[in-house]
Amino acid sequence: MLVLAVVLLLANALFNVIVWPRFYPRIAADPRARDADGRRTAFYTVHVVLIALALVLAAASAITALVILL
Protein backbone atom coordinates (compact mmCIF):
# COMPACT_ATOMS: atom_id res chain seq x y z
CA MET A 1 0.00 0.00 0.00
CA LEU A 2 2.85 2.40 0.77
CA VAL A 3 4.41 1.73 -2.61
CA LEU A 4 1.15 2.76 -4.28
CA ALA A 5 1.06 5.95 -2.20
CA VAL A 6 4.64 6.80 -3.19
CA VAL A 7 3.93 6.16 -6.87
CA LEU A 8 0.78 8.31 -6.80
CA LEU A 9 2.51 11.14 -4.96
CA LEU A 10 5.45 11.14 -7.36
CA ALA A 11 3.11 10.96 -10.37
CA ASN A 12 1.22 13.96 -9.00
CA ALA A 13 4.44 15.90 -8.47
CA LEU A 14 5.72 15.08 -11.95
CA PHE A 15 2.40 16.01 -13.58
CA ASN A 16 2.25 19.37 -11.80
CA VAL A 17 5.86 20.24 -12.60
CA ILE A 18 5.48 19.35 -16.28
CA VAL A 19 2.00 20.68 -17.05
CA TRP A 20 1.34 23.84 -15.03
CA PRO A 21 4.42 25.97 -15.84
CA ARG A 22 3.69 25.57 -19.55
CA PHE A 23 0.58 27.70 -19.10
CA TYR A 24 2.49 30.75 -17.91
CA PRO A 25 3.64 32.02 -21.34
CA ARG A 26 0.09 31.71 -22.63
CA ILE A 27 -1.32 33.56 -19.62
CA ALA A 28 1.28 36.33 -19.87
CA ALA A 29 0.59 36.81 -23.59
CA ASP A 30 -3.20 36.77 -23.22
CA PRO A 31 -4.78 40.18 -23.85
CA ARG A 32 -6.83 39.78 -20.65
CA ALA A 33 -3.61 39.73 -18.60
CA ARG A 34 -3.13 43.52 -18.83
CA ASP A 35 -5.53 46.42 -18.75
CA ALA A 36 -5.50 49.46 -21.03
CA ASP A 37 -2.80 51.10 -18.89
CA GLY A 38 -0.54 48.03 -19.03
CA ARG A 39 -1.14 46.95 -15.43
CA ARG A 40 -1.66 43.28 -14.65
CA THR A 41 -5.25 42.25 -14.13
CA ALA A 42 -6.98 39.84 -11.77
CA PHE A 43 -7.00 37.32 -14.64
CA TYR A 44 -3.19 37.29 -14.63
CA THR A 45 -2.90 37.23 -10.84
CA VAL A 46 -5.36 34.37 -10.37
CA HIS A 47 -3.61 32.22 -12.95
CA VAL A 48 -0.15 32.89 -11.55
CA VAL A 49 -1.42 31.95 -8.08
CA LEU A 50 -2.88 28.71 -9.49
CA ILE A 51 0.44 27.83 -11.10
CA ALA A 52 2.32 28.63 -7.89
CA LEU A 53 -0.06 26.51 -5.81
CA ALA A 54 0.34 23.61 -8.21
CA LEU A 55 4.11 23.81 -7.83
CA VAL A 56 3.84 23.98 -4.04
CA LEU A 57 1.62 20.88 -4.11
CA ALA A 58 4.17 19.18 -6.36
CA ALA A 59 6.92 19.90 -3.86
CA ALA A 60 4.76 18.71 -0.96
CA SER A 61 3.90 15.51 -2.83
CA ALA A 62 7.53 14.79 -3.66
CA ILE A 63 8.67 15.46 -0.08
CA THR A 64 5.89 13.28 1.32
CA ALA A 65 6.84 10.45 -1.04
CA LEU A 66 10.47 10.70 0.06
CA VAL A 67 9.48 10.71 3.74
CA ILE A 68 7.38 7.56 3.21
CA LEU A 69 10.30 5.85 1.49
CA LEU A 70 12.69 6.70 4.29
PDB file of N, CA and C in Angstrom:
ATOM      1  N   MET A   1       0.815  -1.193   0.000  1.00  0.00           N
ATOM      2  CA  MET A   1       0.000   0.000   0.000  1.00  0.00           C
ATOM      3  C   MET A   1       0.866   1.268   0.000  1.00  0.00           C
ATOM      4  N   LEU A   2       1.970   1.232   0.741  1.00  0.00           N
ATOM      5  CA  LEU A   2       2.846   2.400   0.774  1.00  0.00           C
ATOM      6  C   LEU A   2       3.512   2.650  -0.575  1.00  0.00           C
ATOM      7  N   VAL A   3       3.805   1.574  -1.283  1.00  0.00           N
ATOM      8  CA  VAL A   3       4.408   1.730  -2.613  1.00  0.00           C
ATOM      9  C   VAL A   3       3.437   2.453  -3.542  1.00  0.00           C
ATOM     10  N   LEU A   4       2.166   2.093  -3.462  1.00  0.00           N
ATOM     11  CA  LEU A   4       1.145   2.759  -4.277  1.00  0.00           C
ATOM     12  C   LEU A   4       1.064   4.243  -3.918  1.00  0.00           C
ATOM     13  N   ALA A   5       1.104   4.558  -2.635  1.00  0.00           N
ATOM     14  CA  ALA A   5       1.061   5.951  -2.197  1.00  0.00           C
ATOM     15  C   ALA A   5       2.260   6.723  -2.740  1.00  0.00           C
ATOM     16  N   VAL A   6       3.433   6.148  -2.683  1.00  0.00           N
ATOM     17  CA  VAL A   6       4.641   6.803  -3.190  1.00  0.00           C
ATOM     18  C   VAL A   6       4.526   7.037  -4.694  1.00  0.00           C
ATOM     19  N   VAL A   7       4.071   6.024  -5.422  1.00  0.00           N
ATOM     20  CA  VAL A   7       3.927   6.156  -6.873  1.00  0.00           C
ATOM     21  C   VAL A   7       2.930   7.258  -7.218  1.00  0.00           C
ATOM     22  N   LEU A   8       1.793   7.289  -6.534  1.00  0.00           N
ATOM     23  CA  LEU A   8       0.781   8.310  -6.804  1.00  0.00           C
ATOM     24  C   LEU A   8       1.288   9.715  -6.456  1.00  0.00           C
ATOM     25  N   LEU A   9       1.978   9.844  -5.341  1.00  0.00           N
ATOM     26  CA  LEU A   9       2.509  11.144  -4.957  1.00  0.00           C
ATOM     27  C   LEU A   9       3.564  11.639  -5.948  1.00  0.00           C
ATOM     28  N   LEU A  10       4.433  10.745  -6.386  1.00  0.00           N
ATOM     29  CA  LEU A  10       5.449  11.139  -7.362  1.00  0.00           C
ATOM     30  C   LEU A  10       4.836  11.437  -8.730  1.00  0.00           C
ATOM     31  N   ALA A  11       3.813  10.686  -9.111  1.00  0.00           N
ATOM     32  CA  ALA A  11       3.112  10.961 -10.371  1.00  0.00           C
ATOM     33  C   ALA A  11       2.442  12.334 -10.313  1.00  0.00           C
ATOM     34  N   ASN A  12       1.839  12.654  -9.179  1.00  0.00           N
ATOM     35  CA  ASN A  12       1.217  13.960  -9.001  1.00  0.00           C
ATOM     36  C   ASN A  12       2.258  15.071  -9.099  1.00  0.00           C
ATOM     37  N   ALA A  13       3.384  14.886  -8.435  1.00  0.00           N
ATOM     38  CA  ALA A  13       4.440  15.897  -8.467  1.00  0.00           C
ATOM     39  C   ALA A  13       4.957  16.092  -9.893  1.00  0.00           C
ATOM     40  N   LEU A  14       5.210  15.012 -10.584  1.00  0.00           N
ATOM     41  CA  LEU A  14       5.717  15.079 -11.946  1.00  0.00           C
ATOM     42  C   LEU A  14       4.718  15.766 -12.874  1.00  0.00           C
ATOM     43  N   PHE A  15       3.454  15.398 -12.760  1.00  0.00           N
ATOM     44  CA  PHE A  15       2.404  16.014 -13.578  1.00  0.00           C
ATOM     45  C   PHE A  15       2.366  17.526 -13.357  1.00  0.00           C
ATOM     46  N   ASN A  16       2.341  17.943 -12.101  1.00  0.00           N
ATOM     47  CA  ASN A  16       2.252  19.371 -11.797  1.00  0.00           C
ATOM     48  C   ASN A  16       3.461  20.145 -12.293  1.00  0.00           C
ATOM     49  N   VAL A  17       4.633  19.553 -12.172  1.00  0.00           N
ATOM     50  CA  VAL A  17       5.857  20.239 -12.603  1.00  0.00           C
ATOM     51  C   VAL A  17       5.932  20.337 -14.126  1.00  0.00           C
ATOM     52  N   ILE A  18       5.420  19.341 -14.816  1.00  0.00           N
ATOM     53  CA  ILE A  18       5.481  19.350 -16.283  1.00  0.00           C
ATOM     54  C   ILE A  18       4.372  20.205 -16.895  1.00  0.00           C
ATOM     55  N   VAL A  19       3.155  20.076 -16.394  1.00  0.00           N
ATOM     56  CA  VAL A  19       1.998  20.682 -17.049  1.00  0.00           C
ATOM     57  C   VAL A  19       1.789  22.155 -16.698  1.00  0.00           C
ATOM     58  N   TRP A  20       1.756  22.491 -15.427  1.00  0.00           N
ATOM     59  CA  TRP A  20       1.341  23.838 -15.031  1.00  0.00           C
ATOM     60  C   TRP A  20       2.259  24.960 -15.495  1.00  0.00           C
ATOM     61  N   PRO A  21       3.573  24.844 -15.389  1.00  0.00           N
ATOM     62  CA  PRO A  21       4.421  25.966 -15.837  1.00  0.00           C
ATOM     63  C   PRO A  21       4.278  26.282 -17.330  1.00  0.00           C
ATOM     64  N   ARG A  22       3.850  25.338 -18.119  1.00  0.00           N
ATOM     65  CA  ARG A  22       3.690  25.572 -19.555  1.00  0.00           C
ATOM     66  C   ARG A  22       2.555  26.552 -19.859  1.00  0.00           C
ATOM     67  N   PHE A  23       1.662  26.752 -18.900  1.00  0.00           N
ATOM     68  CA  PHE A  23       0.576  27.698 -19.101  1.00  0.00           C
ATOM     69  C   PHE A  23       1.023  29.150 -18.927  1.00  0.00           C
ATOM     70  N   TYR A  24       2.098  29.369 -18.205  1.00  0.00           N
ATOM     71  CA  TYR A  24       2.491  30.747 -17.911  1.00  0.00           C
ATOM     72  C   TYR A  24       2.705  31.604 -19.162  1.00  0.00           C
ATOM     73  N   PRO A  25       3.457  31.160 -20.154  1.00  0.00           N
ATOM     74  CA  PRO A  25       3.638  32.024 -21.343  1.00  0.00           C
ATOM     75  C   PRO A  25       2.312  32.376 -22.023  1.00  0.00           C
ATOM     76  N   ARG A  26       1.396  31.436 -22.024  1.00  0.00           N
ATOM     77  CA  ARG A  26       0.094  31.709 -22.633  1.00  0.00           C
ATOM     78  C   ARG A  26      -0.701  32.716 -21.815  1.00  0.00           C
ATOM     79  N   ILE A  27      -0.621  32.618 -20.501  1.00  0.00           N
ATOM     80  CA  ILE A  27      -1.323  33.560 -19.623  1.00  0.00           C
ATOM     81  C   ILE A  27      -0.712  34.953 -19.781  1.00  0.00           C
ATOM     82  N   ALA A  28       0.606  35.040 -19.769  1.00  0.00           N
ATOM     83  CA  ALA A  28       1.278  36.333 -19.873  1.00  0.00           C
ATOM     84  C   ALA A  28       1.000  37.020 -21.213  1.00  0.00           C
ATOM     85  N   ALA A  29       0.832  36.245 -22.264  1.00  0.00           N
ATOM     86  CA  ALA A  29       0.586  36.808 -23.590  1.00  0.00           C
ATOM     87  C   ALA A  29      -0.897  37.083 -23.857  1.00  0.00           C
ATOM     88  N   ASP A  30      -1.761  36.588 -23.018  1.00  0.00           N
ATOM     89  CA  ASP A  30      -3.203  36.767 -23.220  1.00  0.00           C
ATOM     90  C   ASP A  30      -3.567  38.247 -23.072  1.00  0.00           C
ATOM     91  N   PRO A  31      -4.401  38.775 -23.949  1.00  0.00           N
ATOM     92  CA  PRO A  31      -4.783  40.183 -23.848  1.00  0.00           C
ATOM     93  C   PRO A  31      -5.521  40.523 -22.550  1.00  0.00           C
ATOM     94  N   ARG A  32      -6.125  39.529 -21.915  1.00  0.00           N
ATOM     95  CA  ARG A  32      -6.832  39.777 -20.651  1.00  0.00           C
ATOM     96  C   ARG A  32      -5.870  39.933 -19.476  1.00  0.00           C
ATOM     97  N   ALA A  33      -4.587  39.675 -19.682  1.00  0.00           N
ATOM     98  CA  ALA A  33      -3.606  39.730 -18.600  1.00  0.00           C
ATOM     99  C   ALA A  33      -3.226  41.161 -18.221  1.00  0.00           C
ATOM    100  N   ARG A  34      -3.465  42.120 -19.110  1.00  0.00           N
ATOM    101  CA  ARG A  34      -3.126  43.521 -18.829  1.00  0.00           C
ATOM    102  C   ARG A  34      -4.293  44.413 -19.214  1.00  0.00           C
ATOM    103  N   ASP A  35      -4.456  45.475 -18.438  1.00  0.00           N
ATOM    104  CA  ASP A  35      -5.530  46.419 -18.751  1.00  0.00           C
ATOM    105  C   ASP A  35      -5.028  47.452 -19.761  1.00  0.00           C
ATOM    106  N   ALA A  36      -5.842  48.450 -20.035  1.00  0.00           N
ATOM    107  CA  ALA A  36      -5.495  49.459 -21.034  1.00  0.00           C
ATOM    108  C   ALA A  36      -4.249  50.254 -20.648  1.00  0.00           C
ATOM    109  N   ASP A  37      -3.981  50.360 -19.357  1.00  0.00           N
ATOM    110  CA  ASP A  37      -2.797  51.100 -18.891  1.00  0.00           C
ATOM    111  C   ASP A  37      -1.556  50.217 -18.782  1.00  0.00           C
ATOM    112  N   GLY A  38      -1.684  48.944 -19.080  1.00  0.00           N
ATOM    113  CA  GLY A  38      -0.545  48.034 -19.026  1.00  0.00           C
ATOM    114  C   GLY A  38      -0.345  47.343 -17.690  1.00  0.00           C
ATOM    115  N   ARG A  39      -1.247  47.607 -16.737  1.00  0.00           N
ATOM    116  CA  ARG A  39      -1.136  46.948 -15.425  1.00  0.00           C
ATOM    117  C   ARG A  39      -1.715  45.536 -15.510  1.00  0.00           C
ATOM    118  N   ARG A  40      -1.163  44.660 -14.689  1.00  0.00           N
ATOM    119  CA  ARG A  40      -1.658  43.280 -14.652  1.00  0.00           C
ATOM    120  C   ARG A  40      -3.049  43.245 -14.046  1.00  0.00           C
ATOM    121  N   THR A  41      -3.862  42.347 -14.573  1.00  0.00           N
ATOM    122  CA  THR A  41      -5.250  42.252 -14.134  1.00  0.00           C
ATOM    123  C   THR A  41      -5.425  41.077 -13.172  1.00  0.00           C
ATOM    124  N   ALA A  42      -6.645  40.962 -12.654  1.00  0.00           N
ATOM    125  CA  ALA A  42      -6.978  39.840 -11.774  1.00  0.00           C
ATOM    126  C   ALA A  42      -6.850  38.521 -12.532  1.00  0.00           C
ATOM    127  N   PHE A  43      -7.147  38.524 -13.812  1.00  0.00           N
ATOM    128  CA  PHE A  43      -6.996  37.322 -14.643  1.00  0.00           C
ATOM    129  C   PHE A  43      -5.570  36.788 -14.541  1.00  0.00           C
ATOM    130  N   TYR A  44      -4.606  37.668 -14.705  1.00  0.00           N
ATOM    131  CA  TYR A  44      -3.195  37.287 -14.630  1.00  0.00           C
ATOM    132  C   TYR A  44      -2.845  36.790 -13.226  1.00  0.00           C
ATOM    133  N   THR A  45      -3.231  37.557 -12.228  1.00  0.00           N
ATOM    134  CA  THR A  45      -2.897  37.232 -10.845  1.00  0.00           C
ATOM    135  C   THR A  45      -3.461  35.884 -10.429  1.00  0.00           C
ATOM    136  N   VAL A  46      -4.718  35.642 -10.744  1.00  0.00           N
ATOM    137  CA  VAL A  46      -5.355  34.372 -10.374  1.00  0.00           C
ATOM    138  C   VAL A  46      -4.630  33.200 -11.019  1.00  0.00           C
ATOM    139  N   HIS A  47      -4.268  33.329 -12.273  1.00  0.00           N
ATOM    140  CA  HIS A  47      -3.614  32.217 -12.952  1.00  0.00           C
ATOM    141  C   HIS A  47      -2.187  31.992 -12.448  1.00  0.00           C
ATOM    142  N   VAL A  48      -1.495  33.051 -12.127  1.00  0.00           N
ATOM    143  CA  VAL A  48      -0.146  32.893 -11.555  1.00  0.00           C
ATOM    144  C   VAL A  48      -0.235  32.221 -10.183  1.00  0.00           C
ATOM    145  N   VAL A  49      -1.234  32.589  -9.394  1.00  0.00           N
ATOM    146  CA  VAL A  49      -1.423  31.952  -8.084  1.00  0.00           C
ATOM    147  C   VAL A  49      -1.742  30.467  -8.267  1.00  0.00           C
ATOM    148  N   LEU A  50      -2.574  30.128  -9.231  1.00  0.00           N
ATOM    149  CA  LEU A  50      -2.882  28.712  -9.494  1.00  0.00           C
ATOM    150  C   LEU A  50      -1.629  27.927  -9.865  1.00  0.00           C
ATOM    151  N   ILE A  51      -0.800  28.505 -10.702  1.00  0.00           N
ATOM    152  CA  ILE A  51       0.440  27.835 -11.095  1.00  0.00           C
ATOM    153  C   ILE A  51       1.358  27.667  -9.890  1.00  0.00           C
ATOM    154  N   ALA A  52       1.473  28.706  -9.084  1.00  0.00           N
ATOM    155  CA  ALA A  52       2.324  28.633  -7.890  1.00  0.00           C
ATOM    156  C   ALA A  52       1.817  27.578  -6.915  1.00  0.00           C
ATOM    157  N   LEU A  53       0.506  27.528  -6.703  1.00  0.00           N
ATOM    158  CA  LEU A  53      -0.061  26.514  -5.805  1.00  0.00           C
ATOM    159  C   LEU A  53       0.183  25.101  -6.335  1.00  0.00           C
ATOM    160  N   ALA A  54       0.077  24.922  -7.630  1.00  0.00           N
ATOM    161  CA  ALA A  54       0.337  23.606  -8.212  1.00  0.00           C
ATOM    162  C   ALA A  54       1.784  23.185  -7.971  1.00  0.00           C
ATOM    163  N   LEU A  55       2.702  24.131  -8.060  1.00  0.00           N
ATOM    164  CA  LEU A  55       4.114  23.805  -7.827  1.00  0.00           C
ATOM    165  C   LEU A  55       4.395  23.542  -6.353  1.00  0.00           C
ATOM    166  N   VAL A  56       3.702  24.251  -5.478  1.00  0.00           N
ATOM    167  CA  VAL A  56       3.840  23.981  -4.040  1.00  0.00           C
ATOM    168  C   VAL A  56       3.301  22.585  -3.726  1.00  0.00           C
ATOM    169  N   LEU A  57       2.172  22.228  -4.312  1.00  0.00           N
ATOM    170  CA  LEU A  57       1.623  20.882  -4.112  1.00  0.00           C
ATOM    171  C   LEU A  57       2.556  19.814  -4.678  1.00  0.00           C
ATOM    172  N   ALA A  58       3.206  20.120  -5.786  1.00  0.00           N
ATOM    173  CA  ALA A  58       4.172  19.180  -6.357  1.00  0.00           C
ATOM    174  C   ALA A  58       5.325  18.950  -5.396  1.00  0.00           C
ATOM    175  N   ALA A  59       5.827  20.023  -4.819  1.00  0.00           N
ATOM    176  CA  ALA A  59       6.924  19.898  -3.860  1.00  0.00           C
ATOM    177  C   ALA A  59       6.474  19.119  -2.626  1.00  0.00           C
ATOM    178  N   ALA A  60       5.281  19.421  -2.131  1.00  0.00           N
ATOM    179  CA  ALA A  60       4.762  18.712  -0.956  1.00  0.00           C
ATOM    180  C   ALA A  60       4.569  17.224  -1.260  1.00  0.00           C
ATOM    181  N   SER A  61       4.082  16.913  -2.445  1.00  0.00           N
ATOM    182  CA  SER A  61       3.897  15.511  -2.825  1.00  0.00           C
ATOM    183  C   SER A  61       5.232  14.782  -2.908  1.00  0.00           C
ATOM    184  N   ALA A  62       6.213  15.419  -3.521  1.00  0.00           N
ATOM    185  CA  ALA A  62       7.530  14.789  -3.657  1.00  0.00           C
ATOM    186  C   ALA A  62       8.178  14.584  -2.284  1.00  0.00           C
ATOM    187  N   ILE A  63       8.087  15.577  -1.422  1.00  0.00           N
ATOM    188  CA  ILE A  63       8.671  15.460  -0.079  1.00  0.00           C
ATOM    189  C   ILE A  63       7.966  14.361   0.710  1.00  0.00           C
ATOM    190  N   THR A  64       6.645  14.314   0.618  1.00  0.00           N
ATOM    191  CA  THR A  64       5.892  13.281   1.319  1.00  0.00           C
ATOM    192  C   THR A  64       6.277  11.887   0.819  1.00  0.00           C
ATOM    193  N   ALA A  65       6.440  11.749  -0.490  1.00  0.00           N
ATOM    194  CA  ALA A  65       6.843  10.455  -1.040  1.00  0.00           C
ATOM    195  C   ALA A  65       8.215  10.047  -0.514  1.00  0.00           C
ATOM    196  N   LEU A  66       9.129  10.994  -0.447  1.00  0.00           N
ATOM    197  CA  LEU A  66      10.470  10.696   0.061  1.00  0.00           C
ATOM    198  C   LEU A  66      10.431  10.328   1.545  1.00  0.00           C
ATOM    199  N   VAL A  67       9.606  11.010   2.309  1.00  0.00           N
ATOM    200  CA  VAL A  67       9.485  10.707   3.736  1.00  0.00           C
ATOM    201  C   VAL A  67       8.924   9.295   3.917  1.00  0.00           C
ATOM    202  N   ILE A  68       7.942   8.921   3.116  1.00  0.00           N
ATOM    203  CA  ILE A  68       7.376   7.562   3.205  1.00  0.00           C
ATOM    204  C   ILE A  68       8.440   6.522   2.882  1.00  0.00           C
ATOM    205  N   LEU A  69       9.269   6.810   1.880  1.00  0.00           N
ATOM    206  CA  LEU A  69      10.304   5.853   1.492  1.00  0.00           C
ATOM    207  C   LEU A  69      11.374   5.701   2.562  1.00  0.00           C
ATOM    208  N   LEU A  70      11.640   6.759   3.278  1.00  0.00           N
ATOM    209  CA  LEU A  70      12.693   6.701   4.290  1.00  0.00           C
ATOM    210  C   LEU A  70      12.072   6.230   5.561  1.00  0.00           C
TER     211      LEU A  70
END
